[in-house]
Amino acid sequence: MSDLVLATRNPHKLREFERLLAPRRVLPLPDDVVLPPEDGDTFEANAVPKARTAAAATGRVAIADDSGIESAALGGAPGVYSARYAGPEASDEENLDKLLREAPAGSALAYVCVIAYVDPATGEERCFEGRCTGRLAEAPRGAGGFGYDPAFIPDDGDGTRTMAELSEAEKDAISHRGRAARELLAWLAS
């Protein structure tokens, strides 16, 4: 089984991918690798260049994801701008607060994740998408997860708890990232 370099600087994503892709080993991105800006208009357009950059810099198979939340009430926003919804340097809390101000409680949401895979030895590139639908909570709840998790009530859960109130195993089983990671693992095993 080959190791996978994960093209991210987000420690939450690194830990999550280590869990989701076990028993494969997920390696952190070397400090000297500079990732390209996320300026694409789709999740795939943001994920692929990051995976290509990491693969080229390390000579190893690399993966990268781009993910975010889409609000039906906001026409799909924030989408690819989820990490900077409240501004370029906004914190998770600031982004979440803006979503709670702009979208009505109970409105439909979808988490989307695209994982890009790049093998520099063969030139093979693939993308895997996972989605998780849900609705917006009235107020943030829970101490787990990160990002928009405290206000995302998944359709596949018990209908009351937010992603931030689920155990890691419960979240991994239904999350957008978990679904995309299982697609990647199934393809790697085939």
C-alpha atoms as a PDB file:
ATOM      1  CA  MET A   1       0.000   0.000   0.000  1.00  0.00           C
ATOM      2  CA  SER A   2       1.445   3.310  -1.009  1.00  0.00           C
ATOM      3  CA  ASP A   3       1.494   6.279   1.328  1.00  0.00           C
ATOM      4  CA  LEU A   4      -0.551   9.322   0.392  1.00  0.00           C
ATOM      5  CA  VAL A   5       0.724  12.877   0.852  1.00  0.00           C
ATOM      6  CA  LEU A   6      -2.149  15.126   1.919  1.00  0.00           C
ATOM      7  CA  ALA A   7      -1.953  18.601   0.396  1.00  0.00           C
ATOM      8  CA  THR A   8      -3.297  20.685   3.272  1.00  0.00           C
ATOM      9  CA  ARG A   9      -2.102  22.938   6.061  1.00  0.00           C
ATOM     10  CA  ASN A  10      -5.267  22.237   8.086  1.00  0.00           C
ATOM     11  CA  PRO A  11      -4.423  20.015  11.083  1.00  0.00           C
ATOM     12  CA  HIS A  12      -8.119  19.074  11.530  1.00  0.00           C
ATOM     13  CA  LYS A  13      -8.251  17.703   7.974  1.00  0.00           C
ATOM     14  CA  LEU A  14      -4.986  15.806   8.438  1.00  0.00           C
ATOM     15  CA  ARG A  15      -6.319  14.027  11.542  1.00  0.00           C
ATOM     16  CA  GLU A  16      -9.628  13.317   9.830  1.00  0.00           C
ATOM     17  CA  PHE A  17      -7.974  11.851   6.722  1.00  0.00           C
ATOM     18  CA  GLU A  18      -5.645   9.732   8.863  1.00  0.00           C
ATOM     19  CA  ARG A  19      -8.771   8.137  10.374  1.00  0.00           C
ATOM     20  CA  LEU A  20     -10.761   7.922   7.139  1.00  0.00           C
ATOM     21  CA  LEU A  21      -8.012   6.371   5.019  1.00  0.00           C
ATOM     22  CA  ALA A  22      -6.611   3.896   7.570  1.00  0.00           C
ATOM     23  CA  PRO A  23      -4.835   1.526   7.174  1.00  0.00           C
ATOM     24  CA  ARG A  24      -3.187   3.614   4.441  1.00  0.00           C
ATOM     25  CA  ARG A  25      -0.657   6.030   5.817  1.00  0.00           C
ATOM     26  CA  VAL A  26      -1.406   9.710   5.231  1.00  0.00           C
ATOM     27  CA  LEU A  27       1.685  11.914   5.250  1.00  0.00           C
ATOM     28  CA  PRO A  28       1.635  15.622   6.055  1.00  0.00           C
ATOM     29  CA  LEU A  29       2.662  18.088   3.399  1.00  0.00           C
ATOM     30  CA  PRO A  30       6.338  19.097   3.800  1.00  0.00           C
ATOM     31  CA  ASP A  31       6.704  22.616   5.175  1.00  0.00           C
ATOM     32  CA  ASP A  32       8.589  23.898   2.111  1.00  0.00           C
ATOM     33  CA  VAL A  33       5.789  23.063  -0.363  1.00  0.00           C
ATOM     34  CA  VAL A  34       3.774  26.122  -1.339  1.00  0.00           C
ATOM     35  CA  LEU A  35       0.207  25.293  -2.321  1.00  0.00           C
ATOM     36  CA  PRO A  36      -1.535  27.211  -5.108  1.00  0.00           C
ATOM     37  CA  PRO A  37      -4.347  29.602  -4.188  1.00  0.00           C
ATOM     38  CA  GLU A  38      -7.896  28.247  -4.089  1.00  0.00           C
ATOM     39  CA  ASP A  39      -9.261  30.445  -6.851  1.00  0.00           C
ATOM     40  CA  GLY A  40     -11.305  27.909  -8.810  1.00  0.00           C
ATOM     41  CA  ASP A  41     -15.069  28.130  -9.177  1.00  0.00           C
ATOM     42  CA  THR A  42     -15.647  24.442  -8.334  1.00  0.00           C
ATOM     43  CA  PHE A  43     -14.406  22.157  -5.572  1.00  0.00           C
ATOM     44  CA  GLU A  44     -12.610  20.042  -8.195  1.00  0.00           C
ATOM     45  CA  ALA A  45     -10.912  23.120  -9.684  1.00  0.00           C
ATOM     46  CA  ASN A  46      -9.462  23.873  -6.235  1.00  0.00           C
ATOM     47  CA  ALA A  47      -8.517  20.300  -5.244  1.00  0.00           C
ATOM     48  CA  VAL A  48      -6.699  19.165  -8.400  1.00  0.00           C
ATOM     49  CA  PRO A  49      -3.996  21.885  -8.504  1.00  0.00           C
ATOM     50  CA  LYS A  50      -3.179  21.275  -4.820  1.00  0.00           C
ATOM     51  CA  ALA A  51      -2.762  17.525  -5.408  1.00  0.00           C
ATOM     52  CA  ARG A  52      -0.671  18.162  -8.538  1.00  0.00           C
ATOM     53  CA  THR A  53       1.576  20.573  -6.628  1.00  0.00           C
ATOM     54  CA  ALA A  54       2.120  18.152  -3.733  1.00  0.00           C
ATOM     55  CA  ALA A  55       2.788  15.222  -6.099  1.00  0.00           C
ATOM     56  CA  ALA A  56       5.279  17.222  -8.168  1.00  0.00           C
ATOM     57  CA  ALA A  57       7.094  18.571  -5.094  1.00  0.00           C
ATOM     58  CA  THR A  58       7.370  15.244  -3.272  1.00  0.00           C
ATOM     59  CA  GLY A  59       7.470  12.720  -6.117  1.00  0.00           C
ATOM     60  CA  ARG A  60       4.811  10.748  -4.214  1.00  0.00           C
ATOM     61  CA  VAL A  61       1.148   9.993  -4.741  1.00  0.00           C
ATOM     62  CA  ALA A  62      -0.766  12.968  -3.380  1.00  0.00           C
ATOM     63  CA  ILE A  63      -4.331  13.754  -2.508  1.00  0.00           C
ATOM     64  CA  ALA A  64      -6.035  17.052  -1.814  1.00  0.00           C
ATOM     65  CA  ASP A  65      -9.555  17.962  -0.982  1.00  0.00           C
ATOM     66  CA  ASP A  66     -11.671  21.006  -1.328  1.00  0.00           C
ATOM     67  CA  SER A  67     -14.858  21.033   0.598  1.00  0.00           C
ATOM     68  CA  GLY A  68     -17.489  23.390   1.810  1.00  0.00           C
ATOM     69  CA  ILE A  69     -21.086  23.951   2.650  1.00  0.00           C
ATOM     70  CA  GLU A  70     -23.888  24.956   0.291  1.00  0.00           C
ATOM     71  CA  SER A  71     -27.036  26.674   1.524  1.00  0.00           C
ATOM     72  CA  ALA A  72     -30.166  26.269  -0.599  1.00  0.00           C
ATOM     73  CA  ALA A  73     -31.543  29.520   0.837  1.00  0.00           C
ATOM     74  CA  LEU A  74     -28.403  31.348  -0.348  1.00  0.00           C
ATOM     75  CA  GLY A  75     -28.346  29.871  -3.858  1.00  0.00           C
ATOM     76  CA  GLY A  76     -25.521  27.456  -3.016  1.00  0.00           C
ATOM     77  CA  ALA A  77     -23.350  29.965  -1.156  1.00  0.00           C
ATOM     78  CA  PRO A  78     -20.880  29.944   0.430  1.00  0.00           C
ATOM     79  CA  GLY A  79     -19.757  26.897  -1.630  1.00  0.00           C
ATOM     80  CA  VAL A  80     -16.094  27.127  -2.642  1.00  0.00           C
ATOM     81  CA  TYR A  81     -15.813  30.260  -0.472  1.00  0.00           C
ATOM     82  CA  SER A  82     -16.759  28.417   2.742  1.00  0.00           C
ATOM     83  CA  ALA A  83     -13.347  28.852   4.396  1.00  0.00           C
ATOM     84  CA  ARG A  84     -13.334  32.595   3.693  1.00  0.00           C
ATOM     85  CA  TYR A  85     -17.057  33.355   3.725  1.00  0.00           C
ATOM     86  CA  ALA A  86     -16.750  36.172   6.273  1.00  0.00           C
ATOM     87  CA  GLY A  87     -13.483  37.425   4.751  1.00  0.00           C
ATOM     88  CA  PRO A  88     -10.031  36.205   3.672  1.00  0.00           C
ATOM     89  CA  GLU A  89      -8.717  35.818   7.236  1.00  0.00           C
ATOM     90  CA  ALA A  90     -12.020  34.866   8.869  1.00  0.00           C
ATOM     91  CA  SER A  91     -12.106  32.267  11.630  1.00  0.00           C
ATOM     92  CA  ASP A  92     -14.398  29.227  11.607  1.00  0.00           C
ATOM     93  CA  GLU A  93     -16.573  31.009  14.175  1.00  0.00           C
ATOM     94  CA  GLU A  94     -16.868  34.173  12.045  1.00  0.00           C
ATOM     95  CA  ASN A  95     -17.820  32.131   8.963  1.00  0.00           C
ATOM     96  CA  LEU A  96     -20.426  30.185  10.945  1.00  0.00           C
ATOM     97  CA  ASP A  97     -21.860  33.370  12.475  1.00  0.00           C
ATOM     98  CA  LYS A  98     -22.301  34.864   8.998  1.00  0.00           C
ATOM     99  CA  LEU A  99     -24.122  31.755   7.742  1.00  0.00           C
ATOM    100  CA  LEU A 100     -26.423  31.798  10.789  1.00  0.00           C
ATOM    101  CA  ARG A 101     -27.232  35.484  10.146  1.00  0.00           C
ATOM    102  CA  GLU A 102     -27.950  35.026   6.446  1.00  0.00           C
ATOM    103  CA  ALA A 103     -29.719  31.663   6.155  1.00  0.00           C
ATOM    104  CA  PRO A 104     -32.914  30.784   8.033  1.00  0.00           C
ATOM    105  CA  ALA A 105     -32.839  28.097  10.711  1.00  0.00           C
ATOM    106  CA  GLY A 106     -34.134  24.807   9.355  1.00  0.00           C
ATOM    107  CA  SER A 107     -33.140  25.601   5.765  1.00  0.00           C
ATOM    108  CA  ALA A 108     -31.503  22.944   3.598  1.00  0.00           C
ATOM    109  CA  LEU A 109     -27.733  22.552   3.565  1.00  0.00           C
ATOM    110  CA  ALA A 110     -25.281  20.248   1.826  1.00  0.00           C
ATOM    111  CA  TYR A 111     -21.673  19.541   2.699  1.00  0.00           C
ATOM    112  CA  VAL A 112     -19.623  18.751  -0.416  1.00  0.00           C
ATOM    113  CA  CYS A 113     -16.118  17.272  -0.625  1.00  0.00           C
ATOM    114  CA  VAL A 114     -14.015  16.540  -3.690  1.00  0.00           C
ATOM    115  CA  ILE A 115     -10.813  14.554  -3.198  1.00  0.00           C
ATOM    116  CA  ALA A 116      -8.274  14.779  -6.023  1.00  0.00           C
ATOM    117  CA  TYR A 117      -5.736  11.960  -6.472  1.00  0.00           C
ATOM    118  CA  VAL A 118      -2.518  12.461  -8.460  1.00  0.00           C
ATOM    119  CA  ASP A 119       0.155   9.821  -9.102  1.00  0.00           C
ATOM    120  CA  PRO A 120       3.291  11.529 -10.439  1.00  0.00           C
ATOM    121  CA  ALA A 121       4.796   8.217 -11.623  1.00  0.00           C
ATOM    122  CA  THR A 122       1.893   7.283 -13.905  1.00  0.00           C
ATOM    123  CA  GLY A 123       0.296  10.690 -14.470  1.00  0.00           C
ATOM    124  CA  GLU A 124      -3.040   9.275 -13.323  1.00  0.00           C
ATOM    125  CA  GLU A 125      -5.510  11.796 -11.908  1.00  0.00           C
ATOM    126  CA  ARG A 126      -8.929  11.030 -10.447  1.00  0.00           C
ATOM    127  CA  CYS A 127     -11.539  12.873  -8.422  1.00  0.00           C
ATOM    128  CA  PHE A 128     -13.989  11.482  -5.886  1.00  0.00           C
ATOM    129  CA  GLU A 129     -17.005  13.394  -4.572  1.00  0.00           C
ATOM    130  CA  GLY A 130     -18.955  12.948  -1.369  1.00  0.00           C
ATOM    131  CA  ARG A 131     -22.075  14.805  -0.219  1.00  0.00           C
ATOM    132  CA  CYS A 132     -23.963  14.997   3.056  1.00  0.00           C
ATOM    133  CA  THR A 133     -27.307  16.783   3.224  1.00  0.00           C
ATOM    134  CA  GLY A 134     -28.873  18.351   6.263  1.00  0.00           C
ATOM    135  CA  ARG A 135     -30.386  21.500   7.681  1.00  0.00           C
ATOM    136  CA  LEU A 136     -29.265  24.570   9.587  1.00  0.00           C
ATOM    137  CA  ALA A 137     -29.620  24.537  13.372  1.00  0.00           C
ATOM    138  CA  GLU A 138     -31.003  27.577  15.190  1.00  0.00           C
ATOM    139  CA  ALA A 139     -27.748  28.010  17.128  1.00  0.00           C
ATOM    140  CA  PRO A 140     -24.346  26.275  17.295  1.00  0.00           C
ATOM    141  CA  ARG A 141     -24.177  23.151  19.482  1.00  0.00           C
ATOM    142  CA  GLY A 142     -21.457  20.646  20.289  1.00  0.00           C
ATOM    143  CA  ALA A 143     -17.737  20.656  20.853  1.00  0.00           C
ATOM    144  CA  GLY A 144     -16.618  18.187  18.175  1.00  0.00           C
ATOM    145  CA  GLY A 145     -15.774  18.749  14.546  1.00  0.00           C
ATOM    146  CA  PHE A 146     -14.787  22.091  13.078  1.00  0.00           C
ATOM    147  CA  GLY A 147     -15.998  24.689  10.616  1.00  0.00           C
ATOM    148  CA  TYR A 148     -19.760  24.653  10.168  1.00  0.00           C
ATOM    149  CA  ASP A 149     -20.261  21.378  12.110  1.00  0.00           C
ATOM    150  CA  PRO A 150     -21.879  23.029  15.183  1.00  0.00           C
ATOM    151  CA  ALA A 151     -24.834  24.230  13.064  1.00  0.00           C
ATOM    152  CA  PHE A 152     -25.179  21.342  10.583  1.00  0.00           C
ATOM    153  CA  ILE A 153     -27.886  18.790  11.468  1.00  0.00           C
ATOM    154  CA  PRO A 154     -27.343  15.864   9.068  1.00  0.00           C
ATOM    155  CA  ASP A 155     -30.301  14.134   7.419  1.00  0.00           C
ATOM    156  CA  ASP A 156     -28.623  10.772   8.040  1.00  0.00           C
ATOM    157  CA  GLY A 157     -28.354  11.311  11.788  1.00  0.00           C
ATOM    158  CA  ASP A 158     -31.050  11.167  14.436  1.00  0.00           C
ATOM    159  CA  GLY A 159     -32.450  14.503  13.259  1.00  0.00           C
ATOM    160  CA  THR A 160     -31.583  16.350  16.450  1.00  0.00           C
ATOM    161  CA  ARG A 161     -27.792  16.394  16.850  1.00  0.00           C
ATOM    162  CA  THR A 162     -25.374  18.574  14.918  1.00  0.00           C
ATOM    163  CA  MET A 163     -22.217  17.180  13.342  1.00  0.00           C
ATOM    164  CA  ALA A 164     -20.328  18.683  16.293  1.00  0.00           C
ATOM    165  CA  GLU A 165     -22.410  16.555  18.689  1.00  0.00           C
ATOM    166  CA  LEU A 166     -21.631  13.257  16.939  1.00  0.00           C
ATOM    167  CA  SER A 167     -18.763  10.948  17.819  1.00  0.00           C
ATOM    168  CA  GLU A 168     -15.920  10.791  15.295  1.00  0.00           C
ATOM    169  CA  ALA A 169     -17.137   7.351  14.167  1.00  0.00           C
ATOM    170  CA  GLU A 170     -20.724   8.586  13.698  1.00  0.00           C
ATOM    171  CA  LYS A 171     -19.531  11.626  11.746  1.00  0.00           C
ATOM    172  CA  ASP A 172     -17.096   9.633   9.589  1.00  0.00           C
ATOM    173  CA  ALA A 173     -19.889   7.212   8.612  1.00  0.00           C
ATOM    174  CA  ILE A 174     -22.099   9.925   7.094  1.00  0.00           C
ATOM    175  CA  SER A 175     -19.888  12.932   6.335  1.00  0.00           C
ATOM    176  CA  HIS A 176     -19.077  14.284   2.904  1.00  0.00           C
ATOM    177  CA  ARG A 177     -15.372  13.675   3.530  1.00  0.00           C
ATOM    178  CA  GLY A 178     -16.048  10.144   4.766  1.00  0.00           C
ATOM    179  CA  ARG A 179     -18.081   9.325   1.669  1.00  0.00           C
ATOM    180  CA  ALA A 180     -15.451  10.725  -0.713  1.00  0.00           C
ATOM    181  CA  ALA A 181     -12.680   8.889   1.189  1.00  0.00           C
ATOM    182  CA  ARG A 182     -14.567   5.571   0.918  1.00  0.00           C
ATOM    183  CA  GLU A 183     -14.927   6.135  -2.852  1.00  0.00           C
ATOM    184  CA  LEU A 184     -11.160   6.710  -3.072  1.00  0.00           C
ATOM    185  CA  LEU A 185     -10.374   3.615  -0.973  1.00  0.00           C
ATOM    186  CA  ALA A 186     -12.715   1.440  -3.059  1.00  0.00           C
ATOM    187  CA  TRP A 187     -11.046   2.633  -6.261  1.00  0.00           C
ATOM    188  CA  LEU A 188      -7.554   2.051  -4.830  1.00  0.00           C
ATOM    189  CA  ALA A 189      -8.555  -1.499  -3.853  1.00  0.00           C
ATOM    190  CA  SER A 190      -9.953  -2.305  -7.316  1.00  0.00           C
END
